[in-house]
Amino acid sequence: MANHASADKRARQNAKRRLHNRYYVKTTRNAIKALRNTTDKSAAVALLPKIYAMVDKLAKKNIIHKNKAANLKSGMAVYVNKLA
């Protein structure tokens, strides 16, 4: 229980931001899974820039670490390049 009005407000803000961040992380994770389940190279190449943008936005807003974003992007690029 918060002892000050400012602490109470801070708790409300944190809860709202946590929900907001979880939504965008989950959406990005589902997009990455969709890409990894794709076996068609042309579809994967079309999806790649959109998913890159999603990951970059998460890293820019410090929702995920910039190194994690780089690792995700690298892994997706390797997967798409290996598709026949």
PDB file of N, CA and C in Angstrom:
ATOM      1  N   MET A   1       0.839  -1.177   0.000  1.00  0.00           N
ATOM      2  CA  MET A   1       0.000   0.000   0.000  1.00  0.00           C
ATOM      3  C   MET A   1       0.884   1.240   0.000  1.00  0.00           C
ATOM      4  N   ALA A   2       0.588   2.164  -0.887  1.00  0.00           N
ATOM      5  CA  ALA A   2       1.390   3.376  -1.015  1.00  0.00           C
ATOM      6  C   ALA A   2       1.106   4.328   0.143  1.00  0.00           C
ATOM      7  N   ASN A   3       2.141   4.964   0.630  1.00  0.00           N
ATOM      8  CA  ASN A   3       2.002   5.922   1.736  1.00  0.00           C
ATOM      9  C   ASN A   3       1.820   7.346   1.246  1.00  0.00           C
ATOM     10  N   HIS A   4       2.082   7.592  -0.025  1.00  0.00           N
ATOM     11  CA  HIS A   4       1.979   8.944  -0.574  1.00  0.00           C
ATOM     12  C   HIS A   4       1.186   8.899  -1.874  1.00  0.00           C
ATOM     13  N   ALA A   5       0.571  10.006  -2.181  1.00  0.00           N
ATOM     14  CA  ALA A   5      -0.207  10.086  -3.419  1.00  0.00           C
ATOM     15  C   ALA A   5       0.694   9.888  -4.632  1.00  0.00           C
ATOM     16  N   SER A   6       1.911  10.413  -4.552  1.00  0.00           N
ATOM     17  CA  SER A   6       2.830  10.276  -5.689  1.00  0.00           C
ATOM     18  C   SER A   6       3.239   8.818  -5.893  1.00  0.00           C
ATOM     19  N   ALA A   7       3.398   8.075  -4.791  1.00  0.00           N
ATOM     20  CA  ALA A   7       3.743   6.653  -4.900  1.00  0.00           C
ATOM     21  C   ALA A   7       2.571   5.864  -5.478  1.00  0.00           C
ATOM     22  N   ASP A   8       1.354   6.260  -5.104  1.00  0.00           N
ATOM     23  CA  ASP A   8       0.165   5.608  -5.639  1.00  0.00           C
ATOM     24  C   ASP A   8       0.044   5.846  -7.143  1.00  0.00           C
ATOM     25  N   LYS A   9       0.280   7.088  -7.542  1.00  0.00           N
ATOM     26  CA  LYS A   9       0.230   7.427  -8.968  1.00  0.00           C
ATOM     27  C   LYS A   9       1.316   6.669  -9.731  1.00  0.00           C
ATOM     28  N   ARG A  10       2.505   6.578  -9.143  1.00  0.00           N
ATOM     29  CA  ARG A  10       3.620   5.881  -9.777  1.00  0.00           C
ATOM     30  C   ARG A  10       3.271   4.411  -9.997  1.00  0.00           C
ATOM     31  N   ALA A  11       2.617   3.804  -9.018  1.00  0.00           N
ATOM     32  CA  ALA A  11       2.212   2.401  -9.139  1.00  0.00           C
ATOM     33  C   ALA A  11       1.198   2.225 -10.266  1.00  0.00           C
ATOM     34  N   ARG A  12       0.264   3.172 -10.389  1.00  0.00           N
ATOM     35  CA  ARG A  12      -0.715   3.106 -11.473  1.00  0.00           C
ATOM     36  C   ARG A  12      -0.031   3.254 -12.829  1.00  0.00           C
ATOM     37  N   GLN A  13       0.903   4.196 -12.934  1.00  0.00           N
ATOM     38  CA  GLN A  13       1.619   4.405 -14.197  1.00  0.00           C
ATOM     39  C   GLN A  13       2.423   3.164 -14.577  1.00  0.00           C
ATOM     40  N   ASN A  14       3.103   2.578 -13.593  1.00  0.00           N
ATOM     41  CA  ASN A  14       3.913   1.390 -13.873  1.00  0.00           C
ATOM     42  C   ASN A  14       3.056   0.230 -14.354  1.00  0.00           C
ATOM     43  N   ALA A  15       1.894   0.059 -13.744  1.00  0.00           N
ATOM     44  CA  ALA A  15       0.997  -1.023 -14.153  1.00  0.00           C
ATOM     45  C   ALA A  15       0.515  -0.815 -15.586  1.00  0.00           C
ATOM     46  N   LYS A  16       0.172   0.412 -15.921  1.00  0.00           N
ATOM     47  CA  LYS A  16      -0.307   0.719 -17.269  1.00  0.00           C
ATOM     48  C   LYS A  16       0.805   0.508 -18.291  1.00  0.00           C
ATOM     49  N   ARG A  17       1.999   0.959 -17.978  1.00  0.00           N
ATOM     50  CA  ARG A  17       3.132   0.801 -18.897  1.00  0.00           C
ATOM     51  C   ARG A  17       3.518  -0.657 -19.065  1.00  0.00           C
ATOM     52  N   ARG A  18       3.433  -1.424 -17.973  1.00  0.00           N
ATOM     53  CA  ARG A  18       3.777  -2.843 -18.052  1.00  0.00           C
ATOM     54  C   ARG A  18       2.827  -3.567 -19.012  1.00  0.00           C
ATOM     55  N   LEU A  19       1.538  -3.275 -18.925  1.00  0.00           N
ATOM     56  CA  LEU A  19       0.577  -3.875 -19.851  1.00  0.00           C
ATOM     57  C   LEU A  19       0.861  -3.468 -21.295  1.00  0.00           C
ATOM     58  N   HIS A  20       1.154  -2.200 -21.491  1.00  0.00           N
ATOM     59  CA  HIS A  20       1.457  -1.667 -22.817  1.00  0.00           C
ATOM     60  C   HIS A  20       2.685  -2.355 -23.402  1.00  0.00           C
ATOM     61  N   ASN A  21       3.743  -2.473 -22.595  1.00  0.00           N
ATOM     62  CA  ASN A  21       4.977  -3.098 -23.061  1.00  0.00           C
ATOM     63  C   ASN A  21       4.772  -4.580 -23.338  1.00  0.00           C
ATOM     64  N   ARG A  22       4.014  -5.275 -22.484  1.00  0.00           N
ATOM     65  CA  ARG A  22       3.767  -6.701 -22.692  1.00  0.00           C
ATOM     66  C   ARG A  22       3.030  -6.939 -23.995  1.00  0.00           C
ATOM     67  N   TYR A  23       2.085  -6.064 -24.330  1.00  0.00           N
ATOM     68  CA  TYR A  23       1.340  -6.200 -25.579  1.00  0.00           C
ATOM     69  C   TYR A  23       2.286  -6.129 -26.778  1.00  0.00           C
ATOM     70  N   TYR A  24       3.157  -5.133 -26.809  1.00  0.00           N
ATOM     71  CA  TYR A  24       4.048  -4.958 -27.956  1.00  0.00           C
ATOM     72  C   TYR A  24       5.117  -6.042 -28.027  1.00  0.00           C
ATOM     73  N   VAL A  25       5.606  -6.501 -26.882  1.00  0.00           N
ATOM     74  CA  VAL A  25       6.590  -7.589 -26.894  1.00  0.00           C
ATOM     75  C   VAL A  25       5.943  -8.870 -27.408  1.00  0.00           C
ATOM     76  N   LYS A  26       4.720  -9.152 -26.954  1.00  0.00           N
ATOM     77  CA  LYS A  26       4.032 -10.369 -27.379  1.00  0.00           C
ATOM     78  C   LYS A  26       3.704 -10.329 -28.871  1.00  0.00           C
ATOM     79  N   THR A  27       3.279  -9.159 -29.358  1.00  0.00           N
ATOM     80  CA  THR A  27       2.976  -9.010 -30.771  1.00  0.00           C
ATOM     81  C   THR A  27       4.221  -9.251 -31.622  1.00  0.00           C
ATOM     82  N   THR A  28       5.340  -8.692 -31.184  1.00  0.00           N
ATOM     83  CA  THR A  28       6.600  -8.873 -31.909  1.00  0.00           C
ATOM     84  C   THR A  28       7.030 -10.337 -31.869  1.00  0.00           C
ATOM     85  N   ARG A  29       6.890 -10.972 -30.706  1.00  0.00           N
ATOM     86  CA  ARG A  29       7.275 -12.373 -30.573  1.00  0.00           C
ATOM     87  C   ARG A  29       6.440 -13.252 -31.498  1.00  0.00           C
ATOM     88  N   ASN A  30       5.136 -12.970 -31.602  1.00  0.00           N
ATOM     89  CA  ASN A  30       4.276 -13.740 -32.498  1.00  0.00           C
ATOM     90  C   ASN A  30       4.673 -13.528 -33.958  1.00  0.00           C
ATOM     91  N   ALA A  31       5.065 -12.307 -34.311  1.00  0.00           N
ATOM     92  CA  ALA A  31       5.501 -12.033 -35.684  1.00  0.00           C
ATOM     93  C   ALA A  31       6.786 -12.801 -36.005  1.00  0.00           C
ATOM     94  N   ILE A  32       7.689 -12.864 -35.037  1.00  0.00           N
ATOM     95  CA  ILE A  32       8.945 -13.598 -35.242  1.00  0.00           C
ATOM     96  C   ILE A  32       8.657 -15.084 -35.422  1.00  0.00           C
ATOM     97  N   LYS A  33       7.730 -15.618 -34.604  1.00  0.00           N
ATOM     98  CA  LYS A  33       7.357 -17.027 -34.746  1.00  0.00           C
ATOM     99  C   LYS A  33       6.731 -17.292 -36.107  1.00  0.00           C
ATOM    100  N   ALA A  34       5.910 -16.364 -36.585  1.00  0.00           N
ATOM    101  CA  ALA A  34       5.300 -16.521 -37.910  1.00  0.00           C
ATOM    102  C   ALA A  34       6.371 -16.556 -38.992  1.00  0.00           C
ATOM    103  N   LEU A  35       7.375 -15.703 -38.858  1.00  0.00           N
ATOM    104  CA  LEU A  35       8.477 -15.686 -39.828  1.00  0.00           C
ATOM    105  C   LEU A  35       9.238 -17.004 -39.791  1.00  0.00           C
ATOM    106  N   ARG A  36       9.532 -17.497 -38.590  1.00  0.00           N
ATOM    107  CA  ARG A  36      10.312 -18.728 -38.459  1.00  0.00           C
ATOM    108  C   ARG A  36       9.532 -19.949 -38.930  1.00  0.00           C
ATOM    109  N   ASN A  37       8.203 -19.871 -38.930  1.00  0.00           N
ATOM    110  CA  ASN A  37       7.390 -20.989 -39.420  1.00  0.00           C
ATOM    111  C   ASN A  37       7.155 -20.920 -40.928  1.00  0.00           C
ATOM    112  N   THR A  38       7.599 -19.835 -41.560  1.00  0.00           N
ATOM    113  CA  THR A  38       7.426 -19.674 -42.997  1.00  0.00           C
ATOM    114  C   THR A  38       8.494 -20.464 -43.734  1.00  0.00           C
ATOM    115  N   THR A  39       8.075 -21.182 -44.771  1.00  0.00           N
ATOM    116  CA  THR A  39       9.037 -21.909 -45.593  1.00  0.00           C
ATOM    117  C   THR A  39       9.183 -21.274 -46.971  1.00  0.00           C
ATOM    118  N   ASP A  40       8.357 -20.274 -47.265  1.00  0.00           N
ATOM    119  CA  ASP A  40       8.407 -19.578 -48.547  1.00  0.00           C
ATOM    120  C   ASP A  40       9.338 -18.379 -48.436  1.00  0.00           C
ATOM    121  N   LYS A  41      10.380 -18.360 -49.243  1.00  0.00           N
ATOM    122  CA  LYS A  41      11.385 -17.307 -49.125  1.00  0.00           C
ATOM    123  C   LYS A  41      10.825 -15.933 -49.473  1.00  0.00           C
ATOM    124  N   SER A  42       9.987 -15.830 -50.499  1.00  0.00           N
ATOM    125  CA  SER A  42       9.465 -14.517 -50.891  1.00  0.00           C
ATOM    126  C   SER A  42       8.580 -13.930 -49.793  1.00  0.00           C
ATOM    127  N   ALA A  43       7.798 -14.776 -49.118  1.00  0.00           N
ATOM    128  CA  ALA A  43       6.968 -14.300 -48.010  1.00  0.00           C
ATOM    129  C   ALA A  43       7.837 -13.861 -46.833  1.00  0.00           C
ATOM    130  N   ALA A  44       8.890 -14.622 -46.567  1.00  0.00           N
ATOM    131  CA  ALA A  44       9.787 -14.288 -45.464  1.00  0.00           C
ATOM    132  C   ALA A  44      10.522 -12.978 -45.732  1.00  0.00           C
ATOM    133  N   VAL A  45      10.953 -12.780 -46.970  1.00  0.00           N
ATOM    134  CA  VAL A  45      11.650 -11.538 -47.332  1.00  0.00           C
ATOM    135  C   VAL A  45      10.713 -10.344 -47.194  1.00  0.00           C
ATOM    136  N   ALA A  46       9.429 -10.550 -47.496  1.00  0.00           N
ATOM    137  CA  ALA A  46       8.459  -9.465 -47.361  1.00  0.00           C
ATOM    138  C   ALA A  46       8.193  -9.132 -45.890  1.00  0.00           C
ATOM    139  N   LEU A  47       8.194 -10.149 -45.031  1.00  0.00           N
ATOM    140  CA  LEU A  47       7.937  -9.932 -43.605  1.00  0.00           C
ATOM    141  C   LEU A  47       9.116  -9.304 -42.879  1.00  0.00           C
ATOM    142  N   LEU A  48      10.323  -9.579 -43.343  1.00  0.00           N
ATOM    143  CA  LEU A  48      11.532  -9.202 -42.608  1.00  0.00           C
ATOM    144  C   LEU A  48      11.621  -7.720 -42.256  1.00  0.00           C
ATOM    145  N   PRO A  49      11.422  -6.784 -43.192  1.00  0.00           N
ATOM    146  CA  PRO A  49      11.556  -5.361 -42.815  1.00  0.00           C
ATOM    147  C   PRO A  49      10.531  -4.919 -41.774  1.00  0.00           C
ATOM    148  N   LYS A  50       9.323  -5.477 -41.827  1.00  0.00           N
ATOM    149  CA  LYS A  50       8.296  -5.112 -40.859  1.00  0.00           C
ATOM    150  C   LYS A  50       8.688  -5.574 -39.454  1.00  0.00           C
ATOM    151  N   ILE A  51       9.223  -6.790 -39.367  1.00  0.00           N
ATOM    152  CA  ILE A  51       9.620  -7.315 -38.065  1.00  0.00           C
ATOM    153  C   ILE A  51      10.866  -6.586 -37.560  1.00  0.00           C
ATOM    154  N   TYR A  52      11.784  -6.257 -38.457  1.00  0.00           N
ATOM    155  CA  TYR A  52      12.951  -5.459 -38.066  1.00  0.00           C
ATOM    156  C   TYR A  52      12.504  -4.150 -37.432  1.00  0.00           C
ATOM    157  N   ALA A  53      11.522  -3.492 -38.036  1.00  0.00           N
ATOM    158  CA  ALA A  53      11.027  -2.214 -37.512  1.00  0.00           C
ATOM    159  C   ALA A  53      10.429  -2.398 -36.125  1.00  0.00           C
ATOM    160  N   MET A  54       9.671  -3.481 -35.932  1.00  0.00           N
ATOM    161  CA  MET A  54       9.066  -3.744 -34.623  1.00  0.00           C
ATOM    162  C   MET A  54      10.142  -3.933 -33.560  1.00  0.00           C
ATOM    163  N   VAL A  55      11.157  -4.724 -33.887  1.00  0.00           N
ATOM    164  CA  VAL A  55      12.228  -5.008 -32.934  1.00  0.00           C
ATOM    165  C   VAL A  55      13.016  -3.735 -32.629  1.00  0.00           C
ATOM    166  N   ASP A  56      13.298  -2.942 -33.663  1.00  0.00           N
ATOM    167  CA  ASP A  56      14.035  -1.700 -33.454  1.00  0.00           C
ATOM    168  C   ASP A  56      13.279  -0.723 -32.560  1.00  0.00           C
ATOM    169  N   LYS A  57      11.958  -0.663 -32.714  1.00  0.00           N
ATOM    170  CA  LYS A  57      11.153   0.233 -31.873  1.00  0.00           C
ATOM    171  C   LYS A  57      11.186  -0.215 -30.420  1.00  0.00           C
ATOM    172  N   LEU A  58      11.133  -1.525 -30.192  1.00  0.00           N
ATOM    173  CA  LEU A  58      11.210  -2.022 -28.822  1.00  0.00           C
ATOM    174  C   LEU A  58      12.556  -1.681 -28.189  1.00  0.00           C
ATOM    175  N   ALA A  59      13.626  -1.807 -28.966  1.00  0.00           N
ATOM    176  CA  ALA A  59      14.951  -1.494 -28.446  1.00  0.00           C
ATOM    177  C   ALA A  59      15.101   0.000 -28.199  1.00  0.00           C
ATOM    178  N   LYS A  60      14.550   0.810 -29.085  1.00  0.00           N
ATOM    179  CA  LYS A  60      14.656   2.266 -28.947  1.00  0.00           C
ATOM    180  C   LYS A  60      13.968   2.754 -27.671  1.00  0.00           C
ATOM    181  N   LYS A  61      12.840   2.097 -27.324  1.00  0.00           N
ATOM    182  CA  LYS A  61      12.090   2.495 -26.126  1.00  0.00           C
ATOM    183  C   LYS A  61      12.544   1.745 -24.877  1.00  0.00           C
ATOM    184  N   ASN A  62      13.659   1.014 -24.969  1.00  0.00           N
ATOM    185  CA  ASN A  62      14.233   0.257 -23.850  1.00  0.00           C
ATOM    186  C   ASN A  62      13.275  -0.801 -23.295  1.00  0.00           C
ATOM    187  N   ILE A  63      12.423  -1.335 -24.143  1.00  0.00           N
ATOM    188  CA  ILE A  63      11.560  -2.431 -23.725  1.00  0.00           C
ATOM    189  C   ILE A  63      12.358  -3.732 -23.792  1.00  0.00           C
ATOM    190  N   ILE A  64      13.201  -3.856 -24.813  1.00  0.00           N
ATOM    191  CA  ILE A  64      14.178  -4.942 -24.862  1.00  0.00           C
ATOM    192  C   ILE A  64      15.554  -4.309 -25.021  1.00  0.00           C
ATOM    193  N   HIS A  65      16.587  -5.039 -24.667  1.00  0.00           N
ATOM    194  CA  HIS A  65      17.951  -4.526 -24.757  1.00  0.00           C
ATOM    195  C   HIS A  65      18.394  -4.452 -26.217  1.00  0.00           C
ATOM    196  N   LYS A  66      19.239  -3.501 -26.521  1.00  0.00           N
ATOM    197  CA  LYS A  66      19.673  -3.324 -27.914  1.00  0.00           C
ATOM    198  C   LYS A  66      20.449  -4.533 -28.427  1.00  0.00           C
ATOM    199  N   ASN A  67      21.183  -5.230 -27.548  1.00  0.00           N
ATOM    200  CA  ASN A  67      21.910  -6.420 -27.984  1.00  0.00           C
ATOM    201  C   ASN A  67      20.946  -7.565 -28.284  1.00  0.00           C
ATOM    202  N   LYS A  68      19.873  -7.673 -27.515  1.00  0.00           N
ATOM    203  CA  LYS A  68      18.857  -8.688 -27.802  1.00  0.00           C
ATOM    204  C   LYS A  68      18.215  -8.413 -29.148  1.00  0.00           C
ATOM    205  N   ALA A  69      17.955  -7.132 -29.429  1.00  0.00           N
ATOM    206  CA  ALA A  69      17.374  -6.766 -30.724  1.00  0.00           C
ATOM    207  C   ALA A  69      18.318  -7.172 -31.856  1.00  0.00           C
ATOM    208  N   ALA A  70      19.600  -6.900 -31.676  1.00  0.00           N
ATOM    209  CA  ALA A  70      20.585  -7.250 -32.699  1.00  0.00           C
ATOM    210  C   ALA A  70      20.652  -8.760 -32.895  1.00  0.00           C
ATOM    211  N   ASN A  71      20.593  -9.524 -31.787  1.00  0.00           N
ATOM    212  CA  ASN A  71      20.639 -10.978 -31.886  1.00  0.00           C
ATOM    213  C   ASN A  71      19.400 -11.528 -32.591  1.00  0.00           C
ATOM    214  N   LEU A  72      18.239 -10.965 -32.280  1.00  0.00           N
ATOM    215  CA  LEU A  72      17.010 -11.401 -32.946  1.00  0.00           C
ATOM    216  C   LEU A  72      17.075 -11.129 -34.443  1.00  0.00           C
ATOM    217  N   LYS A  73      17.511  -9.935 -34.805  1.00  0.00           N
ATOM    218  CA  LYS A  73      17.583  -9.564 -36.212  1.00  0.00           C
ATOM    219  C   LYS A  73      18.584 -10.445 -36.957  1.00  0.00           C
ATOM    220  N   SER A  74      19.707 -10.719 -36.319  1.00  0.00           N
ATOM    221  CA  SER A  74      20.721 -11.565 -36.935  1.00  0.00           C
ATOM    222  C   SER A  74      20.184 -12.978 -37.169  1.00  0.00           C
ATOM    223  N   GLY A  75      19.507 -13.520 -36.167  1.00  0.00           N
ATOM    224  CA  GLY A  75      18.956 -14.866 -36.295  1.00  0.00           C
ATOM    225  C   GLY A  75      17.909 -14.956 -37.390  1.00  0.00           C
ATOM    226  N   MET A  76      17.079 -13.917 -37.496  1.00  0.00           N
ATOM    227  CA  MET A  76      16.060 -13.915 -38.555  1.00  0.00           C
ATOM    228  C   MET A  76      16.708 -13.823 -39.927  1.00  0.00           C
ATOM    229  N   ALA A  77      17.752 -13.016 -40.046  1.00  0.00           N
ATOM    230  CA  ALA A  77      18.438 -12.870 -41.329  1.00  0.00           C
ATOM    231  C   ALA A  77      19.079 -14.189 -41.746  1.00  0.00           C
ATOM    232  N   VAL A  78      19.694 -14.884 -40.790  1.00  0.00           N
ATOM    233  CA  VAL A  78      20.304 -16.183 -41.086  1.00  0.00           C
ATOM    234  C   VAL A  78      19.239 -17.164 -41.569  1.00  0.00           C
ATOM    235  N   TYR A  79      18.082 -17.172 -40.895  1.00  0.00           N
ATOM    236  CA  TYR A  79      17.016 -18.086 -41.276  1.00  0.00           C
ATOM    237  C   TYR A  79      16.498 -17.798 -42.681  1.00  0.00           C
ATOM    238  N   VAL A  80      16.260 -16.519 -42.984  1.00  0.00           N
ATOM    239  CA  VAL A  80      15.728 -16.158 -44.293  1.00  0.00           C
ATOM    240  C   VAL A  80      16.754 -16.452 -45.393  1.00  0.00           C
ATOM    241  N   ASN A  81      18.022 -16.207 -45.126  1.00  0.00           N
ATOM    242  CA  ASN A  81      19.049 -16.460 -46.133  1.00  0.00           C
ATOM    243  C   ASN A  81      19.221 -17.958 -46.409  1.00  0.00           C
ATOM    244  N   LYS A  82      18.915 -18.812 -45.439  1.00  0.00           N
ATOM    245  CA  LYS A  82      19.044 -20.252 -45.646  1.00  0.00           C
ATOM    246  C   LYS A  82      17.863 -20.856 -46.404  1.00  0.00           C
ATOM    247  N   LEU A  83      16.751 -20.116 -46.478  1.00  0.00           N
ATOM    248  CA  LEU A  83      15.588 -20.630 -47.205  1.00  0.00           C
ATOM    249  C   LEU A  83      15.921 -20.788 -48.694  1.00  0.00           C
ATOM    250  N   ALA A  84      15.394 -21.852 -49.273  1.00  0.00           N
ATOM    251  CA  ALA A  84      15.688 -22.092 -50.696  1.00  0.00           C
ATOM    252  C   ALA A  84      14.664 -21.418 -51.573  1.00  0.00           C
TER     253      ALA A  84
END
